[in-house]
Amino acid sequence: MDGNSGGEIQINMAYIYQMPNLTGGIDTNIIQIVSQVPSFTYGLLIFVFGVVFMGGSATQKSKSGDADMPMWAMMASISTLVVSVLITVKSGMIEGWVLGIVVAVNILSGLWLFFSRGRGEF
């Protein structure tokens, strides 16, 4: 009891996190999240790459018994490149060096795919 004559307990809860206003659109909310948590875009890109790479290779391995890792690395890097280019449309969401890393990973996975194939396999 806090000393009230009625025996009521009053709880004053202060919010740690302000819920975003969804009337402005999802892009406005994502920009607010990135301004509060700068590592959100890095985590998002790593998540997209990991889901496509691990999910695709695991599914292929369960169906055929073998997974084509270079192909799934290329598919994951292309998916990550598409997401990062879409994020780049709004200014301030992704830095240029992050886009450079994504393009470099895309090139390296393409080289891995190219050199892993035999003659006439493409």
PDB file of N, CA and C in Angstrom:
ATOM      1  N   MET A   1       0.838  -1.172   0.000  1.00  0.00           N
ATOM      2  CA  MET A   1       0.000   0.000   0.000  1.00  0.00           C
ATOM      3  C   MET A   1       0.887   1.241   0.000  1.00  0.00           C
ATOM      4  N   ASP A   2       0.428   2.245  -0.693  1.00  0.00           N
ATOM      5  CA  ASP A   2       1.239   3.456  -0.799  1.00  0.00           C
ATOM      6  C   ASP A   2       0.668   4.596   0.042  1.00  0.00           C
ATOM      7  N   GLY A   3      -0.183   4.313   0.968  1.00  0.00           N
ATOM      8  CA  GLY A   3      -0.698   5.336   1.854  1.00  0.00           C
ATOM      9  C   GLY A   3      -2.049   5.883   1.434  1.00  0.00           C
ATOM     10  N   ASN A   4      -2.622   5.349   0.373  1.00  0.00           N
ATOM     11  CA  ASN A   4      -3.956   5.795  -0.030  1.00  0.00           C
ATOM     12  C   ASN A   4      -4.980   5.237   0.937  1.00  0.00           C
ATOM     13  N   SER A   5      -6.048   5.991   1.140  1.00  0.00           N
ATOM     14  CA  SER A   5      -7.079   5.522   2.050  1.00  0.00           C
ATOM     15  C   SER A   5      -7.899   4.394   1.430  1.00  0.00           C
ATOM     16  N   GLY A   6      -7.963   4.322   0.092  1.00  0.00           N
ATOM     17  CA  GLY A   6      -8.749   3.283  -0.576  1.00  0.00           C
ATOM     18  C   GLY A   6      -7.984   1.995  -0.764  1.00  0.00           C
ATOM     19  N   GLY A   7      -6.722   1.970  -0.456  1.00  0.00           N
ATOM     20  CA  GLY A   7      -5.934   0.759  -0.606  1.00  0.00           C
ATOM     21  C   GLY A   7      -5.509   0.473  -2.042  1.00  0.00           C
ATOM     22  N   GLU A   8      -5.550   1.482  -2.919  1.00  0.00           N
ATOM     23  CA  GLU A   8      -5.164   1.274  -4.304  1.00  0.00           C
ATOM     24  C   GLU A   8      -3.659   1.482  -4.463  1.00  0.00           C
ATOM     25  N   ILE A   9      -3.096   0.708  -5.352  1.00  0.00           N
ATOM     26  CA  ILE A   9      -1.684   0.861  -5.660  1.00  0.00           C
ATOM     27  C   ILE A   9      -1.570   1.492  -7.028  1.00  0.00           C
ATOM     28  N   GLN A  10      -0.841   2.580  -7.105  1.00  0.00           N
ATOM     29  CA  GLN A  10      -0.642   3.248  -8.379  1.00  0.00           C
ATOM     30  C   GLN A  10       0.760   2.918  -8.896  1.00  0.00           C
ATOM     31  N   ILE A  11       0.796   2.453 -10.130  1.00  0.00           N
ATOM     32  CA  ILE A  11       2.070   2.099 -10.741  1.00  0.00           C
ATOM     33  C   ILE A  11       2.330   3.079 -11.872  1.00  0.00           C
ATOM     34  N   ASN A  12       3.464   3.726 -11.805  1.00  0.00           N
ATOM     35  CA  ASN A  12       3.857   4.657 -12.856  1.00  0.00           C
ATOM     36  C   ASN A  12       4.935   3.982 -13.695  1.00  0.00           C
ATOM     37  N   MET A  13       4.556   3.568 -14.906  1.00  0.00           N
ATOM     38  CA  MET A  13       5.509   2.885 -15.771  1.00  0.00           C
ATOM     39  C   MET A  13       5.965   3.843 -16.865  1.00  0.00           C
ATOM     40  N   ALA A  14       7.239   4.047 -16.958  1.00  0.00           N
ATOM     41  CA  ALA A  14       7.812   4.860 -18.028  1.00  0.00           C
ATOM     42  C   ALA A  14       8.273   3.909 -19.123  1.00  0.00           C
ATOM     43  N   TYR A  15       7.947   4.249 -20.341  1.00  0.00           N
ATOM     44  CA  TYR A  15       8.309   3.387 -21.456  1.00  0.00           C
ATOM     45  C   TYR A  15       9.781   3.561 -21.803  1.00  0.00           C
ATOM     46  N   ILE A  16      10.461   2.454 -21.960  1.00  0.00           N
ATOM     47  CA  ILE A  16      11.853   2.485 -22.383  1.00  0.00           C
ATOM     48  C   ILE A  16      11.923   2.680 -23.885  1.00  0.00           C
ATOM     49  N   TYR A  17      10.984   2.096 -24.597  1.00  0.00           N
ATOM     50  CA  TYR A  17      10.966   2.146 -26.056  1.00  0.00           C
ATOM     51  C   TYR A  17       9.664   2.778 -26.519  1.00  0.00           C
ATOM     52  N   GLN A  18       9.764   3.782 -27.357  1.00  0.00           N
ATOM     53  CA  GLN A  18       8.567   4.418 -27.917  1.00  0.00           C
ATOM     54  C   GLN A  18       8.128   3.638 -29.148  1.00  0.00           C
ATOM     55  N   MET A  19       6.907   3.215 -29.186  1.00  0.00           N
ATOM     56  CA  MET A  19       6.390   2.494 -30.346  1.00  0.00           C
ATOM     57  C   MET A  19       6.331   3.440 -31.533  1.00  0.00           C
ATOM     58  N   PRO A  20       6.768   2.979 -32.718  1.00  0.00           N
ATOM     59  CA  PRO A  20       6.752   3.869 -33.886  1.00  0.00           C
ATOM     60  C   PRO A  20       5.340   4.111 -34.385  1.00  0.00           C
ATOM     61  N   ASN A  21       5.161   5.262 -35.008  1.00  0.00           N
ATOM     62  CA  ASN A  21       3.880   5.618 -35.593  1.00  0.00           C
ATOM     63  C   ASN A  21       3.833   5.040 -37.004  1.00  0.00           C
ATOM     64  N   LEU A  22       2.908   4.151 -37.275  1.00  0.00           N
ATOM     65  CA  LEU A  22       2.843   3.461 -38.559  1.00  0.00           C
ATOM     66  C   LEU A  22       2.087   4.224 -39.633  1.00  0.00           C
ATOM     67  N   THR A  23       1.639   5.440 -39.346  1.00  0.00           N
ATOM     68  CA  THR A  23       0.905   6.198 -40.363  1.00  0.00           C
ATOM     69  C   THR A  23       1.826   6.793 -41.415  1.00  0.00           C
ATOM     70  N   GLY A  24       3.119   6.925 -41.129  1.00  0.00           N
ATOM     71  CA  GLY A  24       4.056   7.522 -42.073  1.00  0.00           C
ATOM     72  C   GLY A  24       4.596   6.555 -43.103  1.00  0.00           C
ATOM     73  N   GLY A  25       4.341   5.273 -42.951  1.00  0.00           N
ATOM     74  CA  GLY A  25       4.864   4.278 -43.866  1.00  0.00           C
ATOM     75  C   GLY A  25       5.988   3.488 -43.221  1.00  0.00           C
ATOM     76  N   ILE A  26       6.254   2.314 -43.782  1.00  0.00           N
ATOM     77  CA  ILE A  26       7.256   1.430 -43.191  1.00  0.00           C
ATOM     78  C   ILE A  26       8.660   1.981 -43.371  1.00  0.00           C
ATOM     79  N   ASP A  27       8.913   2.724 -44.469  1.00  0.00           N
ATOM     80  CA  ASP A  27      10.257   3.259 -44.672  1.00  0.00           C
ATOM     81  C   ASP A  27      10.618   4.300 -43.622  1.00  0.00           C
ATOM     82  N   THR A  28       9.650   5.089 -43.193  1.00  0.00           N
ATOM     83  CA  THR A  28       9.898   6.064 -42.131  1.00  0.00           C
ATOM     84  C   THR A  28      10.259   5.361 -40.828  1.00  0.00           C
ATOM     85  N   ASN A  29       9.574   4.267 -40.542  1.00  0.00           N
ATOM     86  CA  ASN A  29       9.859   3.522 -39.317  1.00  0.00           C
ATOM     87  C   ASN A  29      11.221   2.853 -39.374  1.00  0.00           C
ATOM     88  N   ILE A  30      11.598   2.326 -40.541  1.00  0.00           N
ATOM     89  CA  ILE A  30      12.911   1.695 -40.658  1.00  0.00           C
ATOM     90  C   ILE A  30      14.015   2.735 -40.503  1.00  0.00           C
ATOM     91  N   ILE A  31      13.807   3.934 -41.036  1.00  0.00           N
ATOM     92  CA  ILE A  31      14.798   5.004 -40.871  1.00  0.00           C
ATOM     93  C   ILE A  31      14.920   5.386 -39.400  1.00  0.00           C
ATOM     94  N   GLN A  32      13.804   5.423 -38.680  1.00  0.00           N
ATOM     95  CA  GLN A  32      13.857   5.710 -37.248  1.00  0.00           C
ATOM     96  C   GLN A  32      14.609   4.612 -36.496  1.00  0.00           C
ATOM     97  N   ILE A  33      14.393   3.355 -36.882  1.00  0.00           N
ATOM     98  CA  ILE A  33      15.090   2.242 -36.234  1.00  0.00           C
ATOM     99  C   ILE A  33      16.588   2.332 -36.501  1.00  0.00           C
ATOM    100  N   VAL A  34      16.961   2.658 -37.747  1.00  0.00           N
ATOM    101  CA  VAL A  34      18.381   2.773 -38.081  1.00  0.00           C
ATOM    102  C   VAL A  34      19.026   3.932 -37.336  1.00  0.00           C
ATOM    103  N   SER A  35      18.289   5.015 -37.138  1.00  0.00           N
ATOM    104  CA  SER A  35      18.864   6.132 -36.384  1.00  0.00           C
ATOM    105  C   SER A  35      19.051   5.776 -34.910  1.00  0.00           C
ATOM    106  N   GLN A  36      18.197   4.913 -34.373  1.00  0.00           N
ATOM    107  CA  GLN A  36      18.330   4.489 -32.980  1.00  0.00           C
ATOM    108  C   GLN A  36      19.346   3.355 -32.817  1.00  0.00           C
ATOM    109  N   VAL A  37      19.335   2.406 -33.774  1.00  0.00           N
ATOM    110  CA  VAL A  37      20.219   1.239 -33.721  1.00  0.00           C
ATOM    111  C   VAL A  37      20.984   1.172 -35.039  1.00  0.00           C
ATOM    112  N   PRO A  38      22.176   1.777 -35.115  1.00  0.00           N
ATOM    113  CA  PRO A  38      22.898   1.834 -36.388  1.00  0.00           C
ATOM    114  C   PRO A  38      23.304   0.474 -36.946  1.00  0.00           C
ATOM    115  N   SER A  39      23.439  -0.541 -36.114  1.00  0.00           N
ATOM    116  CA  SER A  39      23.854  -1.856 -36.601  1.00  0.00           C
ATOM    117  C   SER A  39      22.690  -2.670 -37.154  1.00  0.00           C
ATOM    118  N   PHE A  40      21.498  -2.099 -37.222  1.00  0.00           N
ATOM    119  CA  PHE A  40      20.337  -2.823 -37.738  1.00  0.00           C
ATOM    120  C   PHE A  40      20.529  -3.230 -39.193  1.00  0.00           C
ATOM    121  N   THR A  41      21.076  -2.343 -40.024  1.00  0.00           N
ATOM    122  CA  THR A  41      21.243  -2.669 -41.445  1.00  0.00           C
ATOM    123  C   THR A  41      22.274  -3.769 -41.633  1.00  0.00           C
ATOM    124  N   TYR A  42      23.351  -3.758 -40.839  1.00  0.00           N
ATOM    125  CA  TYR A  42      24.351  -4.820 -40.950  1.00  0.00           C
ATOM    126  C   TYR A  42      23.725  -6.164 -40.579  1.00  0.00           C
ATOM    127  N   GLY A  43      22.982  -6.171 -39.502  1.00  0.00           N
ATOM    128  CA  GLY A  43      22.312  -7.400 -39.081  1.00  0.00           C
ATOM    129  C   GLY A  43      21.304  -7.890 -40.097  1.00  0.00           C
ATOM    130  N   LEU A  44      20.593  -6.951 -40.710  1.00  0.00           N
ATOM    131  CA  LEU A  44      19.612  -7.324 -41.731  1.00  0.00           C
ATOM    132  C   LEU A  44      20.294  -7.966 -42.934  1.00  0.00           C
ATOM    133  N   LEU A  45      21.399  -7.393 -43.382  1.00  0.00           N
ATOM    134  CA  LEU A  45      22.110  -7.941 -44.541  1.00  0.00           C
ATOM    135  C   LEU A  45      22.716  -9.304 -44.224  1.00  0.00           C
ATOM    136  N   ILE A  46      23.283  -9.462 -43.042  1.00  0.00           N
ATOM    137  CA  ILE A  46      23.835 -10.759 -42.644  1.00  0.00           C
ATOM    138  C   ILE A  46      22.721 -11.789 -42.515  1.00  0.00           C
ATOM    139  N   PHE A  47      21.570 -11.370 -42.006  1.00  0.00           N
ATOM    140  CA  PHE A  47      20.423 -12.269 -41.870  1.00  0.00           C
ATOM    141  C   PHE A  47      19.935 -12.748 -43.239  1.00  0.00           C
ATOM    142  N   VAL A  48      19.813 -11.834 -44.198  1.00  0.00           N
ATOM    143  CA  VAL A  48      19.360 -12.211 -45.537  1.00  0.00           C
ATOM    144  C   VAL A  48      20.342 -13.195 -46.171  1.00  0.00           C
ATOM    145  N   PHE A  49      21.643 -12.890 -46.081  1.00  0.00           N
ATOM    146  CA  PHE A  49      22.649 -13.789 -46.643  1.00  0.00           C
ATOM    147  C   PHE A  49      22.573 -15.164 -45.977  1.00  0.00           C
ATOM    148  N   GLY A  50      22.500 -15.197 -44.664  1.00  0.00           N
ATOM    149  CA  GLY A  50      22.485 -16.472 -43.940  1.00  0.00           C
ATOM    150  C   GLY A  50      21.255 -17.308 -44.224  1.00  0.00           C
ATOM    151  N   VAL A  51      20.096 -16.672 -44.289  1.00  0.00           N
ATOM    152  CA  VAL A  51      18.867 -17.419 -44.541  1.00  0.00           C
ATOM    153  C   VAL A  51      18.884 -18.043 -45.930  1.00  0.00           C
ATOM    154  N   VAL A  52      19.291 -17.274 -46.926  1.00  0.00           N
ATOM    155  CA  VAL A  52      19.307 -17.808 -48.289  1.00  0.00           C
ATOM    156  C   VAL A  52      20.375 -18.894 -48.425  1.00  0.00           C
ATOM    157  N   PHE A  53      21.566 -18.638 -47.892  1.00  0.00           N
ATOM    158  CA  PHE A  53      22.672 -19.593 -48.031  1.00  0.00           C
ATOM    159  C   PHE A  53      22.398 -20.889 -47.280  1.00  0.00           C
ATOM    160  N   MET A  54      22.098 -20.779 -45.995  1.00  0.00           N
ATOM    161  CA  MET A  54      21.901 -21.989 -45.202  1.00  0.00           C
ATOM    162  C   MET A  54      20.587 -22.692 -45.530  1.00  0.00           C
ATOM    163  N   GLY A  55      19.531 -21.911 -45.737  1.00  0.00           N
ATOM    164  CA  GLY A  55      18.247 -22.516 -46.062  1.00  0.00           C
ATOM    165  C   GLY A  55      18.255 -23.223 -47.402  1.00  0.00           C
ATOM    166  N   GLY A  56      18.838 -22.583 -48.410  1.00  0.00           N
ATOM    167  CA  GLY A  56      18.882 -23.196 -49.731  1.00  0.00           C
ATOM    168  C   GLY A  56      19.767 -24.417 -49.776  1.00  0.00           C
ATOM    169  N   SER A  57      20.940 -24.332 -49.161  1.00  0.00           N
ATOM    170  CA  SER A  57      21.841 -25.484 -49.185  1.00  0.00           C
ATOM    171  C   SER A  57      21.292 -26.641 -48.352  1.00  0.00           C
ATOM    172  N   ALA A  58      20.643 -26.361 -47.246  1.00  0.00           N
ATOM    173  CA  ALA A  58      20.055 -27.433 -46.436  1.00  0.00           C
ATOM    174  C   ALA A  58      18.901 -28.102 -47.173  1.00  0.00           C
ATOM    175  N   THR A  59      18.082 -27.313 -47.852  1.00  0.00           N
ATOM    176  CA  THR A  59      16.971 -27.892 -48.607  1.00  0.00           C
ATOM    177  C   THR A  59      17.485 -28.744 -49.761  1.00  0.00           C
ATOM    178  N   GLN A  60      18.489 -28.240 -50.470  1.00  0.00           N
ATOM    179  CA  GLN A  60      19.047 -29.013 -51.576  1.00  0.00           C
ATOM    180  C   GLN A  60      19.707 -30.295 -51.076  1.00  0.00           C
ATOM    181  N   LYS A  61      20.390 -30.213 -49.943  1.00  0.00           N
ATOM    182  CA  LYS A  61      21.041 -31.397 -49.394  1.00  0.00           C
ATOM    183  C   LYS A  61      20.021 -32.435 -48.959  1.00  0.00           C
ATOM    184  N   SER A  62      18.899 -32.001 -48.412  1.00  0.00           N
ATOM    185  CA  SER A  62      17.881 -32.961 -47.977  1.00  0.00           C
ATOM    186  C   SER A  62      17.173 -33.619 -49.161  1.00  0.00           C
ATOM    187  N   LYS A  63      17.074 -32.907 -50.280  1.00  0.00           N
ATOM    188  CA  LYS A  63      16.377 -33.466 -51.441  1.00  0.00           C
ATOM    189  C   LYS A  63      17.285 -34.309 -52.330  1.00  0.00           C
ATOM    190  N   SER A  64      18.515 -33.850 -52.554  1.00  0.00           N
ATOM    191  CA  SER A  64      19.385 -34.558 -53.488  1.00  0.00           C
ATOM    192  C   SER A  64      20.555 -35.270 -52.825  1.00  0.00           C
ATOM    193  N   GLY A  65      20.817 -34.997 -51.570  1.00  0.00           N
ATOM    194  CA  GLY A  65      21.921 -35.631 -50.878  1.00  0.00           C
ATOM    195  C   GLY A  65      23.210 -34.842 -50.939  1.00  0.00           C
ATOM    196  N   ASP A  66      23.280 -33.808 -51.756  1.00  0.00           N
ATOM    197  CA  ASP A  66      24.483 -32.993 -51.877  1.00  0.00           C
ATOM    198  C   ASP A  66      24.058 -31.540 -52.079  1.00  0.00           C
ATOM    199  N   ALA A  67      24.809 -30.630 -51.509  1.00  0.00           N
ATOM    200  CA  ALA A  67      24.491 -29.203 -51.631  1.00  0.00           C
ATOM    201  C   ALA A  67      25.551 -28.522 -52.492  1.00  0.00           C
ATOM    202  N   ASP A  68      25.119 -27.681 -53.395  1.00  0.00           N
ATOM    203  CA  ASP A  68      26.016 -26.915 -54.258  1.00  0.00           C
ATOM    204  C   ASP A  68      26.312 -25.588 -53.563  1.00  0.00           C
ATOM    205  N   MET A  69      27.341 -25.583 -52.722  1.00  0.00           N
ATOM    206  CA  MET A  69      27.668 -24.403 -51.917  1.00  0.00           C
ATOM    207  C   MET A  69      28.025 -23.173 -52.753  1.00  0.00           C
ATOM    208  N   PRO A  70      28.833 -23.281 -53.819  1.00  0.00           N
ATOM    209  CA  PRO A  70      29.121 -22.076 -54.604  1.00  0.00           C
ATOM    210  C   PRO A  70      27.874 -21.446 -55.227  1.00  0.00           C
ATOM    211  N   MET A  71      26.938 -22.279 -55.674  1.00  0.00           N
ATOM    212  CA  MET A  71      25.715 -21.735 -56.254  1.00  0.00           C
ATOM    213  C   MET A  71      24.877 -21.013 -55.193  1.00  0.00           C
ATOM    214  N   TRP A  72      24.783 -21.599 -54.004  1.00  0.00           N
ATOM    215  CA  TRP A  72      23.987 -20.959 -52.962  1.00  0.00           C
ATOM    216  C   TRP A  72      24.673 -19.716 -52.415  1.00  0.00           C
ATOM    217  N   ALA A  73      26.010 -19.688 -52.425  1.00  0.00           N
ATOM    218  CA  ALA A  73      26.716 -18.468 -52.031  1.00  0.00           C
ATOM    219  C   ALA A  73      26.428 -17.355 -53.031  1.00  0.00           C
ATOM    220  N   MET A  74      26.377 -17.706 -54.311  1.00  0.00           N
ATOM    221  CA  MET A  74      26.055 -16.704 -55.333  1.00  0.00           C
ATOM    222  C   MET A  74      24.616 -16.218 -55.193  1.00  0.00           C
ATOM    223  N   MET A  75      23.691 -17.139 -54.962  1.00  0.00           N
ATOM    224  CA  MET A  75      22.286 -16.753 -54.780  1.00  0.00           C
ATOM    225  C   MET A  75      22.113 -15.860 -53.546  1.00  0.00           C
ATOM    226  N   ALA A  76      22.805 -16.202 -52.460  1.00  0.00           N
ATOM    227  CA  ALA A  76      22.711 -15.405 -51.237  1.00  0.00           C
ATOM    228  C   ALA A  76      23.324 -14.025 -51.434  1.00  0.00           C
ATOM    229  N   SER A  77      24.437 -13.952 -52.148  1.00  0.00           N
ATOM    230  CA  SER A  77      25.065 -12.644 -52.350  1.00  0.00           C
ATOM    231  C   SER A  77      24.235 -11.773 -53.290  1.00  0.00           C
ATOM    232  N   ILE A  78      23.587 -12.367 -54.281  1.00  0.00           N
ATOM    233  CA  ILE A  78      22.704 -11.583 -55.155  1.00  0.00           C
ATOM    234  C   ILE A  78      21.504 -11.070 -54.362  1.00  0.00           C
ATOM    235  N   SER A  79      20.940 -11.916 -53.503  1.00  0.00           N
ATOM    236  CA  SER A  79      19.811 -11.479 -52.666  1.00  0.00           C
ATOM    237  C   SER A  79      20.228 -10.346 -51.737  1.00  0.00           C
ATOM    238  N   THR A  80      21.406 -10.459 -51.153  1.00  0.00           N
ATOM    239  CA  THR A  80      21.906  -9.408 -50.270  1.00  0.00           C
ATOM    240  C   THR A  80      22.168  -8.125 -51.042  1.00  0.00           C
ATOM    241  N   LEU A  81      22.678  -8.250 -52.267  1.00  0.00           N
ATOM    242  CA  LEU A  81      22.915  -7.065 -53.096  1.00  0.00           C
ATOM    243  C   LEU A  81      21.606  -6.357 -53.432  1.00  0.00           C
ATOM    244  N   VAL A  82      20.570  -7.126 -53.754  1.00  0.00           N
ATOM    245  CA  VAL A  82      19.272  -6.513 -54.064  1.00  0.00           C
ATOM    246  C   VAL A  82      18.716  -5.783 -52.847  1.00  0.00           C
ATOM    247  N   VAL A  83      18.787  -6.411 -51.677  1.00  0.00           N
ATOM    248  CA  VAL A  83      18.287  -5.767 -50.456  1.00  0.00           C
ATOM    249  C   VAL A  83      19.102  -4.523 -50.134  1.00  0.00           C
ATOM    250  N   SER A  84      20.414  -4.592 -50.292  1.00  0.00           N
ATOM    251  CA  SER A  84      21.245  -3.424 -49.966  1.00  0.00           C
ATOM    252  C   SER A  84      21.028  -2.283 -50.960  1.00  0.00           C
ATOM    253  N   VAL A  85      20.770  -2.594 -52.224  1.00  0.00           N
ATOM    254  CA  VAL A  85      20.475  -1.527 -53.195  1.00  0.00           C
ATOM    255  C   VAL A  85      19.128  -0.892 -52.867  1.00  0.00           C
ATOM    256  N   LEU A  86      18.156  -1.697 -52.462  1.00  0.00           N
ATOM    257  CA  LEU A  86      16.859  -1.130 -52.061  1.00  0.00           C
ATOM    258  C   LEU A  86      16.985  -0.268 -50.812  1.00  0.00           C
ATOM    259  N   ILE A  87      17.848  -0.660 -49.892  1.00  0.00           N
ATOM    260  CA  ILE A  87      18.069   0.136 -48.687  1.00  0.00           C
ATOM    261  C   ILE A  87      18.796   1.430 -49.033  1.00  0.00           C
ATOM    262  N   THR A  88      19.648   1.410 -50.041  1.00  0.00           N
ATOM    263  CA  THR A  88      20.433   2.581 -50.428  1.00  0.00           C
ATOM    264  C   THR A  88      19.557   3.681 -51.004  1.00  0.00           C
ATOM    265  N   VAL A  89      18.363   3.333 -51.480  1.00  0.00           N
ATOM    266  CA  VAL A  89      17.470   4.331 -52.080  1.00  0.00           C
ATOM    267  C   VAL A  89      17.177   5.452 -51.088  1.00  0.00           C
ATOM    268  N   LYS A  90      16.942   5.107 -49.844  1.00  0.00           N
ATOM    269  CA  LYS A  90      16.736   6.120 -48.808  1.00  0.00           C
ATOM    270  C   LYS A  90      18.093   6.531 -48.248  1.00  0.00           C
ATOM    271  N   SER A  91      18.355   7.808 -48.218  1.00  0.00           N
ATOM    272  CA  SER A  91      19.666   8.273 -47.757  1.00  0.00           C
ATOM    273  C   SER A  91      19.813   8.068 -46.252  1.00  0.00           C
ATOM    274  N   GLY A  92      21.009   7.730 -45.852  1.00  0.00           N
ATOM    275  CA  GLY A  92      21.311   7.581 -44.439  1.00  0.00           C
ATOM    276  C   GLY A  92      21.076   6.201 -43.881  1.00  0.00           C
ATOM    277  N   MET A  93      20.583   5.277 -44.690  1.00  0.00           N
ATOM    278  CA  MET A  93      20.316   3.950 -44.160  1.00  0.00           C
ATOM    279  C   MET A  93      21.498   3.008 -44.291  1.00  0.00           C
ATOM    280  N   ILE A  94      22.343   3.218 -45.288  1.00  0.00           N
ATOM    281  CA  ILE A  94      23.492   2.345 -45.486  1.00  0.00           C
ATOM    282  C   ILE A  94      24.652   3.198 -45.993  1.00  0.00           C
ATOM    283  N   GLU A  95      25.840   2.896 -45.523  1.00  0.00           N
ATOM    284  CA  GLU A  95      27.014   3.646 -45.942  1.00  0.00           C
ATOM    285  C   GLU A  95      27.582   3.052 -47.225  1.00  0.00           C
ATOM    286  N   GLY A  96      28.417   3.837 -47.897  1.00  0.00           N
ATOM    287  CA  GLY A  96      29.002   3.389 -49.150  1.00  0.00           C
ATOM    288  C   GLY A  96      29.953   2.225 -48.987  1.00  0.00           C
ATOM    289  N   TRP A  97      30.676   2.188 -47.870  1.00  0.00           N
ATOM    290  CA  TRP A  97      31.624   1.094 -47.673  1.00  0.00           C
ATOM    291  C   TRP A  97      30.914  -0.227 -47.454  1.00  0.00           C
ATOM    292  N   VAL A  98      29.712  -0.195 -46.876  1.00  0.00           N
ATOM    293  CA  VAL A  98      28.947  -1.436 -46.694  1.00  0.00           C
ATOM    294  C   VAL A  98      28.489  -1.959 -48.059  1.00  0.00           C
ATOM    295  N   LEU A  99      28.035  -1.053 -48.909  1.00  0.00           N
ATOM    296  CA  LEU A  99      27.650  -1.459 -50.260  1.00  0.00           C
ATOM    297  C   LEU A  99      28.856  -1.999 -51.016  1.00  0.00           C
ATOM    298  N   GLY A 100      30.038  -1.415 -50.799  1.00  0.00           N
ATOM    299  CA  GLY A 100      31.258  -1.924 -51.414  1.00  0.00           C
ATOM    300  C   GLY A 100      31.592  -3.334 -50.962  1.00  0.00           C
ATOM    301  N   ILE A 101      31.404  -3.606 -49.671  1.00  0.00           N
ATOM    302  CA  ILE A 101      31.647  -4.954 -49.151  1.00  0.00           C
ATOM    303  C   ILE A 101      30.669  -5.945 -49.758  1.00  0.00           C
ATOM    304  N   VAL A 102      29.411  -5.539 -49.891  1.00  0.00           N
ATOM    305  CA  VAL A 102      28.405  -6.424 -50.477  1.00  0.00           C
ATOM    306  C   VAL A 102      28.755  -6.730 -51.933  1.00  0.00           C
ATOM    307  N   VAL A 103      29.188  -5.735 -52.675  1.00  0.00           N
ATOM    308  CA  VAL A 103      29.583  -5.958 -54.073  1.00  0.00           C
ATOM    309  C   VAL A 103      30.822  -6.853 -54.132  1.00  0.00           C
ATOM    310  N   ALA A 104      31.779  -6.662 -53.227  1.00  0.00           N
ATOM    311  CA  ALA A 104      32.979  -7.500 -53.207  1.00  0.00           C
ATOM    312  C   ALA A 104      32.638  -8.957 -52.892  1.00  0.00           C
ATOM    313  N   VAL A 105      31.732  -9.179 -51.942  1.00  0.00           N
ATOM    314  CA  VAL A 105      31.296 -10.545 -51.628  1.00  0.00           C
ATOM    315  C   VAL A 105      30.579 -11.151 -52.835  1.00  0.00           C
ATOM    316  N   ASN A 106      29.816 -10.334 -53.543  1.00  0.00           N
ATOM    317  CA  ASN A 106      29.130 -10.799 -54.736  1.00  0.00           C
ATOM    318  C   ASN A 106      30.123 -11.230 -55.806  1.00  0.00           C
ATOM    319  N   ILE A 107      31.167 -10.444 -56.006  1.00  0.00           N
ATOM    320  CA  ILE A 107      32.193 -10.780 -57.004  1.00  0.00           C
ATOM    321  C   ILE A 107      32.947 -12.038 -56.592  1.00  0.00           C
ATOM    322  N   LEU A 108      33.321 -12.137 -55.315  1.00  0.00           N
ATOM    323  CA  LEU A 108      34.057 -13.310 -54.845  1.00  0.00           C
ATOM    324  C   LEU A 108      33.224 -14.591 -54.943  1.00  0.00           C
ATOM    325  N   SER A 109      31.953 -14.509 -54.616  1.00  0.00           N
ATOM    326  CA  SER A 109      31.114 -15.704 -54.737  1.00  0.00           C
ATOM    327  C   SER A 109      30.885 -16.061 -56.202  1.00  0.00           C
ATOM    328  N   GLY A 110      30.831 -15.057 -57.075  1.00  0.00           N
ATOM    329  CA  GLY A 110      30.741 -15.334 -58.504  1.00  0.00           C
ATOM    330  C   GLY A 110      31.991 -16.015 -59.026  1.00  0.00           C
ATOM    331  N   LEU A 111      33.167 -15.582 -58.557  1.00  0.00           N
ATOM    332  CA  LEU A 111      34.412 -16.246 -58.942  1.00  0.00           C
ATOM    333  C   LEU A 111      34.466 -17.675 -58.412  1.00  0.00           C
ATOM    334  N   TRP A 112      33.985 -17.879 -57.185  1.00  0.00           N
ATOM    335  CA  TRP A 112      33.944 -19.222 -56.609  1.00  0.00           C
ATOM    336  C   TRP A 112      33.046 -20.127 -57.451  1.00  0.00           C
ATOM    337  N   LEU A 113      31.890 -19.608 -57.839  1.00  0.00           N
ATOM    338  CA  LEU A 113      30.981 -20.387 -58.677  1.00  0.00           C
ATOM    339  C   LEU A 113      31.607 -20.678 -60.036  1.00  0.00           C
ATOM    340  N   PHE A 114      32.251 -19.680 -60.627  1.00  0.00           N
ATOM    341  CA  PHE A 114      32.843 -19.846 -61.949  1.00  0.00           C
ATOM    342  C   PHE A 114      33.970 -20.882 -61.927  1.00  0.00           C
ATOM    343  N   PHE A 115      34.850 -20.804 -60.917  1.00  0.00           N
ATOM    344  CA  PHE A 115      35.977 -21.724 -60.874  1.00  0.00           C
ATOM    345  C   PHE A 115      35.621 -23.100 -60.327  1.00  0.00           C
ATOM    346  N   SER A 116      34.460 -23.250 -59.738  1.00  0.00           N
ATOM    347  CA  SER A 116      34.066 -24.563 -59.228  1.00  0.00           C
ATOM    348  C   SER A 116      33.436 -25.431 -60.314  1.00  0.00           C
ATOM    349  N   ARG A 117      33.075 -24.841 -61.429  1.00  0.00           N
ATOM    350  CA  ARG A 117      32.433 -25.577 -62.506  1.00  0.00           C
ATOM    351  C   ARG A 117      33.467 -26.142 -63.469  1.00  0.00           C
ATOM    352  N   GLY A 118      33.113 -27.270 -64.029  1.00  0.00           N
ATOM    353  CA  GLY A 118      33.970 -27.863 -65.047  1.00  0.00           C
ATOM    354  C   GLY A 118      33.697 -27.234 -66.398  1.00  0.00           C
ATOM    355  N   ARG A 119      34.378 -27.735 -67.383  1.00  0.00           N
ATOM    356  CA  ARG A 119      34.237 -27.223 -68.738  1.00  0.00           C
ATOM    357  C   ARG A 119      32.851 -27.569 -69.289  1.00  0.00           C
ATOM    358  N   GLY A 120      32.136 -26.567 -69.785  1.00  0.00           N
ATOM    359  CA  GLY A 120      30.814 -26.775 -70.367  1.00  0.00           C
ATOM    360  C   GLY A 120      29.724 -27.086 -69.363  1.00  0.00           C
ATOM    361  N   GLU A 121      29.956 -26.803 -68.092  1.00  0.00           N
ATOM    362  CA  GLU A 121      28.956 -27.114 -67.063  1.00  0.00           C
ATOM    363  C   GLU A 121      27.952 -26.002 -66.860  1.00  0.00           C
ATOM    364  N   PHE A 122      28.251 -24.807 -67.343  1.00  0.00           N
ATOM    365  CA  PHE A 122      27.316 -23.696 -67.157  1.00  0.00           C
ATOM    366  C   PHE A 122      26.179 -23.801 -68.104  1.00  0.00           C
TER     367      PHE A 122
END
